Amino acid sequence: MTYALSCLLGAGIMNNTFCLGIFLGLVYFRGLAWEFTAETLAIISIQLMIGLMVYFRKGMLLIHGCVVLLFYPLALMIVFVLENYVGWD
């Protein structure tokens, strides 16, 4: 379970980073309007939280998988707060 969860977390972080890099390149080279600050900060903050959680653990338990699942609603809440209360697009 530990190896499977670690591999899935690593693949998810690598995929998010790769896709975000491609997206940032498209925005820059095509001269598109940047309207994704809240979403980008939510992705980066969740990646950092998962990275820290995995870095300081020697093994993974079922509860750690449940915590990772709870990061999705947390990301939605981060985007909601940044867009509606902070005013970022």
PDB file of N, CA and C in Angstrom:
ATOM      1  N   MET A   1       0.825  -1.190   0.000  1.00  0.00           N
ATOM      2  CA  MET A   1       0.000   0.000   0.000  1.00  0.00           C
ATOM      3  C   MET A   1       0.870   1.255   0.000  1.00  0.00           C
ATOM      4  N   THR A   2       1.958   1.202   0.753  1.00  0.00           N
ATOM      5  CA  THR A   2       2.841   2.372   0.829  1.00  0.00           C
ATOM      6  C   THR A   2       3.427   2.708  -0.532  1.00  0.00           C
ATOM      7  N   TYR A   3       3.927   1.703  -1.225  1.00  0.00           N
ATOM      8  CA  TYR A   3       4.528   1.951  -2.540  1.00  0.00           C
ATOM      9  C   TYR A   3       3.488   2.404  -3.557  1.00  0.00           C
ATOM     10  N   ALA A   4       2.323   1.805  -3.505  1.00  0.00           N
ATOM     11  CA  ALA A   4       1.271   2.178  -4.450  1.00  0.00           C
ATOM     12  C   ALA A   4       0.837   3.628  -4.229  1.00  0.00           C
ATOM     13  N   LEU A   5       0.605   4.010  -2.978  1.00  0.00           N
ATOM     14  CA  LEU A   5       0.178   5.374  -2.692  1.00  0.00           C
ATOM     15  C   LEU A   5       1.278   6.374  -3.007  1.00  0.00           C
ATOM     16  N   SER A   6       2.519   6.019  -2.697  1.00  0.00           N
ATOM     17  CA  SER A   6       3.635   6.913  -3.016  1.00  0.00           C
ATOM     18  C   SER A   6       3.779   7.109  -4.517  1.00  0.00           C
ATOM     19  N   CYS A   7       3.627   6.037  -5.273  1.00  0.00           N
ATOM     20  CA  CYS A   7       3.715   6.154  -6.732  1.00  0.00           C
ATOM     21  C   CYS A   7       2.573   6.997  -7.294  1.00  0.00           C
ATOM     22  N   LEU A   8       1.381   6.802  -6.781  1.00  0.00           N
ATOM     23  CA  LEU A   8       0.238   7.595  -7.244  1.00  0.00           C
ATOM     24  C   LEU A   8       0.402   9.068  -6.901  1.00  0.00           C
ATOM     25  N   LEU A   9       0.887   9.358  -5.704  1.00  0.00           N
ATOM     26  CA  LEU A   9       1.104  10.752  -5.320  1.00  0.00           C
ATOM     27  C   LEU A   9       2.183  11.393  -6.183  1.00  0.00           C
ATOM     28  N   GLY A  10       3.262  10.674  -6.408  1.00  0.00           N
ATOM     29  CA  GLY A  10       4.329  11.199  -7.262  1.00  0.00           C
ATOM     30  C   GLY A  10       3.866  11.436  -8.684  1.00  0.00           C
ATOM     31  N   ALA A  11       3.090  10.507  -9.228  1.00  0.00           N
ATOM     32  CA  ALA A  11       2.581  10.668 -10.588  1.00  0.00           C
ATOM     33  C   ALA A  11       1.623  11.851 -10.681  1.00  0.00           C
ATOM     34  N   GLY A  12       0.798  12.018  -9.668  1.00  0.00           N
ATOM     35  CA  GLY A  12      -0.132  13.153  -9.665  1.00  0.00           C
ATOM     36  C   GLY A  12       0.594  14.482  -9.604  1.00  0.00           C
ATOM     37  N   ILE A  13       1.604  14.582  -8.765  1.00  0.00           N
ATOM     38  CA  ILE A  13       2.367  15.829  -8.652  1.00  0.00           C
ATOM     39  C   ILE A  13       3.133  16.105  -9.945  1.00  0.00           C
ATOM     40  N   MET A  14       3.748  15.079 -10.529  1.00  0.00           N
ATOM     41  CA  MET A  14       4.467  15.277 -11.787  1.00  0.00           C
ATOM     42  C   MET A  14       3.513  15.698 -12.899  1.00  0.00           C
ATOM     43  N   ASN A  15       2.333  15.091 -12.977  1.00  0.00           N
ATOM     44  CA  ASN A  15       1.355  15.434 -14.002  1.00  0.00           C
ATOM     45  C   ASN A  15       0.882  16.871 -13.828  1.00  0.00           C
ATOM     46  N   ASN A  16       0.561  17.266 -12.609  1.00  0.00           N
ATOM     47  CA  ASN A  16       0.115  18.639 -12.373  1.00  0.00           C
ATOM     48  C   ASN A  16       1.192  19.645 -12.727  1.00  0.00           C
ATOM     49  N   THR A  17       2.429  19.367 -12.351  1.00  0.00           N
ATOM     50  CA  THR A  17       3.523  20.284 -12.644  1.00  0.00           C
ATOM     51  C   THR A  17       3.763  20.381 -14.148  1.00  0.00           C
ATOM     52  N   PHE A  18       3.748  19.262 -14.845  1.00  0.00           N
ATOM     53  CA  PHE A  18       3.966  19.244 -16.291  1.00  0.00           C
ATOM     54  C   PHE A  18       2.861  20.005 -17.018  1.00  0.00           C
ATOM     55  N   CYS A  19       1.617  19.729 -16.678  1.00  0.00           N
ATOM     56  CA  CYS A  19       0.489  20.400 -17.335  1.00  0.00           C
ATOM     57  C   CYS A  19       0.475  21.895 -17.010  1.00  0.00           C
ATOM     58  N   LEU A  20       0.807  22.263 -15.780  1.00  0.00           N
ATOM     59  CA  LEU A  20       0.854  23.679 -15.419  1.00  0.00           C
ATOM     60  C   LEU A  20       1.957  24.395 -16.196  1.00  0.00           C
ATOM     61  N   GLY A  21       3.089  23.735 -16.382  1.00  0.00           N
ATOM     62  CA  GLY A  21       4.173  24.322 -17.177  1.00  0.00           C
ATOM     63  C   GLY A  21       3.773  24.533 -18.621  1.00  0.00           C
ATOM     64  N   ILE A  22       3.106  23.554 -19.219  1.00  0.00           N
ATOM     65  CA  ILE A  22       2.622  23.705 -20.599  1.00  0.00           C
ATOM     66  C   ILE A  22       1.613  24.845 -20.684  1.00  0.00           C
ATOM     67  N   PHE A  23       0.714  24.901 -19.723  1.00  0.00           N
ATOM     68  CA  PHE A  23      -0.302  25.950 -19.716  1.00  0.00           C
ATOM     69  C   PHE A  23       0.338  27.333 -19.572  1.00  0.00           C
ATOM     70  N   LEU A  24       1.313  27.470 -18.676  1.00  0.00           N
ATOM     71  CA  LEU A  24       1.989  28.757 -18.513  1.00  0.00           C
ATOM     72  C   LEU A  24       2.735  29.151 -19.779  1.00  0.00           C
ATOM     73  N   GLY A  25       3.338  28.163 -20.454  1.00  0.00           N
ATOM     74  CA  GLY A  25       4.009  28.446 -21.720  1.00  0.00           C
ATOM     75  C   GLY A  25       3.038  28.920 -22.791  1.00  0.00           C
ATOM     76  N   LEU A  26       1.876  28.297 -22.878  1.00  0.00           N
ATOM     77  CA  LEU A  26       0.866  28.732 -23.846  1.00  0.00           C
ATOM     78  C   LEU A  26       0.391  30.151 -23.563  1.00  0.00           C
ATOM     79  N   VAL A  27       0.149  30.451 -22.301  1.00  0.00           N
ATOM     80  CA  VAL A  27      -0.302  31.798 -21.939  1.00  0.00           C
ATOM     81  C   VAL A  27       0.764  32.819 -22.304  1.00  0.00           C
ATOM     82  N   TYR A  28       2.028  32.510 -22.031  1.00  0.00           N
ATOM     83  CA  TYR A  28       3.102  33.461 -22.289  1.00  0.00           C
ATOM     84  C   TYR A  28       3.352  33.647 -23.786  1.00  0.00           C
ATOM     85  N   PHE A  29       3.508  32.544 -24.522  1.00  0.00           N
ATOM     86  CA  PHE A  29       3.879  32.659 -25.923  1.00  0.00           C
ATOM     87  C   PHE A  29       2.724  33.073 -26.825  1.00  0.00           C
ATOM     88  N   ARG A  30       1.501  32.818 -26.439  1.00  0.00           N
ATOM     89  CA  ARG A  30       0.341  33.238 -27.234  1.00  0.00           C
ATOM     90  C   ARG A  30      -0.189  34.597 -26.807  1.00  0.00           C
ATOM     91  N   GLY A  31       0.322  35.124 -25.703  1.00  0.00           N
ATOM     92  CA  GLY A  31      -0.118  36.436 -25.226  1.00  0.00           C
ATOM     93  C   GLY A  31      -1.543  36.425 -24.711  1.00  0.00           C
ATOM     94  N   LEU A  32      -1.953  35.322 -24.105  1.00  0.00           N
ATOM     95  CA  LEU A  32      -3.314  35.210 -23.586  1.00  0.00           C
ATOM     96  C   LEU A  32      -3.460  35.961 -22.265  1.00  0.00           C
ATOM     97  N   ALA A  33      -4.686  36.292 -21.939  1.00  0.00           N
ATOM     98  CA  ALA A  33      -4.949  36.974 -20.668  1.00  0.00           C
ATOM     99  C   ALA A  33      -4.818  35.967 -19.526  1.00  0.00           C
ATOM    100  N   TRP A  34      -4.178  36.395 -18.450  1.00  0.00           N
ATOM    101  CA  TRP A  34      -3.995  35.522 -17.286  1.00  0.00           C
ATOM    102  C   TRP A  34      -5.172  35.723 -16.340  1.00  0.00           C
ATOM    103  N   GLU A  35      -6.006  34.701 -16.222  1.00  0.00           N
ATOM    104  CA  GLU A  35      -7.175  34.766 -15.347  1.00  0.00           C
ATOM    105  C   GLU A  35      -7.273  33.523 -14.459  1.00  0.00           C
ATOM    106  N   PHE A  36      -6.130  32.986 -14.080  1.00  0.00           N
ATOM    107  CA  PHE A  36      -6.127  31.715 -13.357  1.00  0.00           C
ATOM    108  C   PHE A  36      -5.252  31.753 -12.113  1.00  0.00           C
ATOM    109  N   THR A  37      -5.158  32.885 -11.471  1.00  0.00           N
ATOM    110  CA  THR A  37      -4.305  33.006 -10.293  1.00  0.00           C
ATOM    111  C   THR A  37      -4.802  32.133  -9.154  1.00  0.00           C
ATOM    112  N   ALA A  38      -6.087  32.152  -8.879  1.00  0.00           N
ATOM    113  CA  ALA A  38      -6.635  31.375  -7.766  1.00  0.00           C
ATOM    114  C   ALA A  38      -6.445  29.881  -7.999  1.00  0.00           C
ATOM    115  N   GLU A  39      -6.710  29.417  -9.202  1.00  0.00           N
ATOM    116  CA  GLU A  39      -6.573  27.994  -9.502  1.00  0.00           C
ATOM    117  C   GLU A  39      -5.123  27.549  -9.417  1.00  0.00           C
ATOM    118  N   THR A  40      -4.210  28.385  -9.934  1.00  0.00           N
ATOM    119  CA  THR A  40      -2.793  28.041  -9.895  1.00  0.00           C
ATOM    120  C   THR A  40      -2.289  27.970  -8.462  1.00  0.00           C
ATOM    121  N   LEU A  41      -2.659  28.929  -7.639  1.00  0.00           N
ATOM    122  CA  LEU A  41      -2.232  28.900  -6.240  1.00  0.00           C
ATOM    123  C   LEU A  41      -2.829  27.718  -5.484  1.00  0.00           C
ATOM    124  N   ALA A  42      -4.046  27.327  -5.823  1.00  0.00           N
ATOM    125  CA  ALA A  42      -4.648  26.157  -5.189  1.00  0.00           C
ATOM    126  C   ALA A  42      -3.877  24.895  -5.562  1.00  0.00           C
ATOM    127  N   ILE A  43      -3.521  24.745  -6.835  1.00  0.00           N
ATOM    128  CA  ILE A  43      -2.772  23.562  -7.277  1.00  0.00           C
ATOM    129  C   ILE A  43      -1.418  23.509  -6.585  1.00  0.00           C
ATOM    130  N   ILE A  44      -0.709  24.622  -6.564  1.00  0.00           N
ATOM    131  CA  ILE A  44       0.626  24.639  -5.964  1.00  0.00           C
ATOM    132  C   ILE A  44       0.561  24.391  -4.468  1.00  0.00           C
ATOM    133  N   SER A  45      -0.414  24.971  -3.788  1.00  0.00           N
ATOM    134  CA  SER A  45      -0.510  24.765  -2.334  1.00  0.00           C
ATOM    135  C   SER A  45      -0.840  23.312  -1.998  1.00  0.00           C
ATOM    136  N   ILE A  46      -1.732  22.688  -2.750  1.00  0.00           N
ATOM    137  CA  ILE A  46      -2.064  21.285  -2.500  1.00  0.00           C
ATOM    138  C   ILE A  46      -0.860  20.400  -2.810  1.00  0.00           C
ATOM    139  N   GLN A  47      -0.129  20.697  -3.871  1.00  0.00           N
ATOM    140  CA  GLN A  47       1.072  19.921  -4.183  1.00  0.00           C
ATOM    141  C   GLN A  47       2.092  20.021  -3.059  1.00  0.00           C
ATOM    142  N   LEU A  48       2.274  21.208  -2.504  1.00  0.00           N
ATOM    143  CA  LEU A  48       3.214  21.365  -1.401  1.00  0.00           C
ATOM    144  C   LEU A  48       2.759  20.604  -0.166  1.00  0.00           C
ATOM    145  N   MET A  49       1.472  20.640   0.138  1.00  0.00           N
ATOM    146  CA  MET A  49       0.967  19.909   1.295  1.00  0.00           C
ATOM    147  C   MET A  49       1.151  18.404   1.124  1.00  0.00           C
ATOM    148  N   ILE A  50       0.855  17.890  -0.049  1.00  0.00           N
ATOM    149  CA  ILE A  50       1.035  16.456  -0.295  1.00  0.00           C
ATOM    150  C   ILE A  50       2.518  16.102  -0.269  1.00  0.00           C
ATOM    151  N   GLY A  51       3.343  16.946  -0.854  1.00  0.00           N
ATOM    152  CA  GLY A  51       4.781  16.691  -0.838  1.00  0.00           C
ATOM    153  C   GLY A  51       5.346  16.654   0.568  1.00  0.00           C
ATOM    154  N   LEU A  52       4.931  17.585   1.415  1.00  0.00           N
ATOM    155  CA  LEU A  52       5.392  17.582   2.803  1.00  0.00           C
ATOM    156  C   LEU A  52       4.876  16.368   3.563  1.00  0.00           C
ATOM    157  N   MET A  53       3.640  15.992   3.305  1.00  0.00           N
ATOM    158  CA  MET A  53       3.073  14.835   3.982  1.00  0.00           C
ATOM    159  C   MET A  53       3.838  13.562   3.617  1.00  0.00           C
ATOM    160  N   VAL A  54       4.172  13.403   2.353  1.00  0.00           N
ATOM    161  CA  VAL A  54       4.872  12.207   1.902  1.00  0.00           C
ATOM    162  C   VAL A  54       6.330  12.221   2.353  1.00  0.00           C
ATOM    163  N   TYR A  55       6.944  13.394   2.361  1.00  0.00           N
ATOM    164  CA  TYR A  55       8.364  13.498   2.702  1.00  0.00           C
ATOM    165  C   TYR A  55       8.640  13.072   4.143  1.00  0.00           C
ATOM    166  N   PHE A  56       7.745  13.404   5.046  1.00  0.00           N
ATOM    167  CA  PHE A  56       7.977  13.123   6.460  1.00  0.00           C
ATOM    168  C   PHE A  56       7.396  11.789   6.924  1.00  0.00           C
ATOM    169  N   ARG A  57       6.954  10.936   6.038  1.00  0.00           N
ATOM    170  CA  ARG A  57       6.390   9.631   6.397  1.00  0.00           C
ATOM    171  C   ARG A  57       7.288   8.521   5.863  1.00  0.00           C
ATOM    172  N   LYS A  58       7.488   7.509   6.669  1.00  0.00           N
ATOM    173  CA  LYS A  58       8.197   6.322   6.187  1.00  0.00           C
ATOM    174  C   LYS A  58       7.236   5.324   5.574  1.00  0.00           C
ATOM    175  N   GLY A  59       6.006   5.324   6.030  1.00  0.00           N
ATOM    176  CA  GLY A  59       4.994   4.420   5.513  1.00  0.00           C
ATOM    177  C   GLY A  59       3.663   5.123   5.387  1.00  0.00           C
ATOM    178  N   MET A  60       2.810   4.581   4.566  1.00  0.00           N
ATOM    179  CA  MET A  60       1.488   5.160   4.360  1.00  0.00           C
ATOM    180  C   MET A  60       0.424   4.220   4.915  1.00  0.00           C
ATOM    181  N   LEU A  61      -0.542   4.800   5.557  1.00  0.00           N
ATOM    182  CA  LEU A  61      -1.675   4.055   6.083  1.00  0.00           C
ATOM    183  C   LEU A  61      -2.937   4.486   5.351  1.00  0.00           C
ATOM    184  N   LEU A  62      -4.018   3.802   5.619  1.00  0.00           N
ATOM    185  CA  LEU A  62      -5.286   4.143   4.991  1.00  0.00           C
ATOM    186  C   LEU A  62      -5.716   5.562   5.343  1.00  0.00           C
ATOM    187  N   ILE A  63      -5.433   5.987   6.560  1.00  0.00           N
ATOM    188  CA  ILE A  63      -5.814   7.348   6.973  1.00  0.00           C
ATOM    189  C   ILE A  63      -5.097   8.401   6.135  1.00  0.00           C
ATOM    190  N   HIS A  64      -3.877   8.117   5.711  1.00  0.00           N
ATOM    191  CA  HIS A  64      -3.149   9.061   4.859  1.00  0.00           C
ATOM    192  C   HIS A  64      -3.811   9.176   3.486  1.00  0.00           C
ATOM    193  N   GLY A  65      -4.316   8.063   2.978  1.00  0.00           N
ATOM    194  CA  GLY A  65      -5.062   8.106   1.717  1.00  0.00           C
ATOM    195  C   GLY A  65      -6.340   8.921   1.856  1.00  0.00           C
ATOM    196  N   CYS A  66      -7.003   8.794   3.010  1.00  0.00           N
ATOM    197  CA  CYS A  66      -8.214   9.588   3.255  1.00  0.00           C
ATOM    198  C   CYS A  66      -7.889  11.070   3.346  1.00  0.00           C
ATOM    199  N   VAL A  67      -6.742  11.399   3.957  1.00  0.00           N
ATOM    200  CA  VAL A  67      -6.329  12.804   4.038  1.00  0.00           C
ATOM    201  C   VAL A  67      -6.077  13.352   2.641  1.00  0.00           C
ATOM    202  N   VAL A  68      -5.440  12.555   1.793  1.00  0.00           N
ATOM    203  CA  VAL A  68      -5.196  12.986   0.404  1.00  0.00           C
ATOM    204  C   VAL A  68      -6.520  13.226  -0.313  1.00  0.00           C
ATOM    205  N   LEU A  69      -7.503  12.380  -0.090  1.00  0.00           N
ATOM    206  CA  LEU A  69      -8.817  12.591  -0.704  1.00  0.00           C
ATOM    207  C   LEU A  69      -9.471  13.885  -0.227  1.00  0.00           C
ATOM    208  N   LEU A  70      -9.217  14.263   1.014  1.00  0.00           N
ATOM    209  CA  LEU A  70      -9.794  15.502   1.549  1.00  0.00           C
ATOM    210  C   LEU A  70      -9.117  16.754   0.992  1.00  0.00           C
ATOM    211  N   PHE A  71      -7.974  16.586   0.340  1.00  0.00           N
ATOM    212  CA  PHE A  71      -7.317  17.735  -0.264  1.00  0.00           C
ATOM    213  C   PHE A  71      -8.108  18.284  -1.456  1.00  0.00           C
ATOM    214  N   TYR A  72      -8.905  17.453  -2.106  1.00  0.00           N
ATOM    215  CA  TYR A  72      -9.716  17.933  -3.239  1.00  0.00           C
ATOM    216  C   TYR A  72     -10.742  18.976  -2.797  1.00  0.00           C
ATOM    217  N   PRO A  73     -11.579  18.693  -1.769  1.00  0.00           N
ATOM    218  CA  PRO A  73     -12.492  19.754  -1.323  1.00  0.00           C
ATOM    219  C   PRO A  73     -11.748  20.961  -0.765  1.00  0.00           C
ATOM    220  N   LEU A  74     -10.571  20.724  -0.187  1.00  0.00           N
ATOM    221  CA  LEU A  74      -9.771  21.848   0.302  1.00  0.00           C
ATOM    222  C   LEU A  74      -9.333  22.741  -0.854  1.00  0.00           C
ATOM    223  N   ALA A  75      -8.945  22.137  -1.973  1.00  0.00           N
ATOM    224  CA  ALA A  75      -8.558  22.919  -3.146  1.00  0.00           C
ATOM    225  C   ALA A  75      -9.734  23.736  -3.671  1.00  0.00           C
ATOM    226  N   LEU A  76     -10.918  23.138  -3.685  1.00  0.00           N
ATOM    227  CA  LEU A  76     -12.108  23.877  -4.123  1.00  0.00           C
ATOM    228  C   LEU A  76     -12.392  25.052  -3.194  1.00  0.00           C
ATOM    229  N   MET A  77     -12.210  24.837  -1.897  1.00  0.00           N
ATOM    230  CA  MET A  77     -12.437  25.921  -0.931  1.00  0.00           C
ATOM    231  C   MET A  77     -11.398  27.034  -1.094  1.00  0.00           C
ATOM    232  N   ILE A  78     -10.160  26.661  -1.379  1.00  0.00           N
ATOM    233  CA  ILE A  78      -9.117  27.666  -1.596  1.00  0.00           C
ATOM    234  C   ILE A  78      -9.470  28.532  -2.802  1.00  0.00           C
ATOM    235  N   VAL A  79      -9.888  27.906  -3.892  1.00  0.00           N
ATOM    236  CA  VAL A  79     -10.273  28.658  -5.090  1.00  0.00           C
ATOM    237  C   VAL A  79     -11.464  29.559  -4.785  1.00  0.00           C
ATOM    238  N   PHE A  80     -12.456  29.046  -4.078  1.00  0.00           N
ATOM    239  CA  PHE A  80     -13.637  29.837  -3.744  1.00  0.00           C
ATOM    240  C   PHE A  80     -13.268  31.062  -2.917  1.00  0.00           C
ATOM    241  N   VAL A  81     -12.445  30.879  -1.905  1.00  0.00           N
ATOM    242  CA  VAL A  81     -12.044  31.999  -1.042  1.00  0.00           C
ATOM    243  C   VAL A  81     -11.225  33.017  -1.823  1.00  0.00           C
ATOM    244  N   LEU A  82     -10.271  32.541  -2.624  1.00  0.00           N
ATOM    245  CA  LEU A  82      -9.432  33.474  -3.378  1.00  0.00           C
ATOM    246  C   LEU A  82     -10.226  34.254  -4.422  1.00  0.00           C
ATOM    247  N   GLU A  83     -11.204  33.636  -5.034  1.00  0.00           N
ATOM    248  CA  GLU A  83     -11.984  34.339  -6.049  1.00  0.00           C
ATOM    249  C   GLU A  83     -13.028  35.259  -5.445  1.00  0.00           C
ATOM    250  N   ASN A  84     -13.708  34.838  -4.387  1.00  0.00           N
ATOM    251  CA  ASN A  84     -14.842  35.602  -3.870  1.00  0.00           C
ATOM    252  C   ASN A  84     -14.483  36.577  -2.756  1.00  0.00           C
ATOM    253  N   TYR A  85     -13.493  36.269  -1.946  1.00  0.00           N
ATOM    254  CA  TYR A  85     -13.171  37.131  -0.821  1.00  0.00           C
ATOM    255  C   TYR A  85     -11.898  37.923  -1.020  1.00  0.00           C
ATOM    256  N   VAL A  86     -10.908  37.335  -1.689  1.00  0.00           N
ATOM    257  CA  VAL A  86      -9.663  38.050  -1.951  1.00  0.00           C
ATOM    258  C   VAL A  86      -9.785  38.875  -3.235  1.00  0.00           C
ATOM    259  N   GLY A  87     -10.579  38.387  -4.184  1.00  0.00           N
ATOM    260  CA  GLY A  87     -10.802  39.128  -5.426  1.00  0.00           C
ATOM    261  C   GLY A  87      -9.860  38.761  -6.553  1.00  0.00           C
ATOM    262  N   TRP A  88      -9.139  37.654  -6.396  1.00  0.00           N
ATOM    263  CA  TRP A  88      -8.246  37.228  -7.475  1.00  0.00           C
ATOM    264  C   TRP A  88      -9.024  36.466  -8.517  1.00  0.00           C
ATOM    265  N   ASP A  89      -8.616  36.594  -9.768  1.00  0.00           N
ATOM    266  CA  ASP A  89      -9.304  35.881 -10.843  1.00  0.00           C
ATOM    267  C   ASP A  89      -8.773  34.495 -11.022  1.00  0.00           C
TER     268      ASP A  89
END
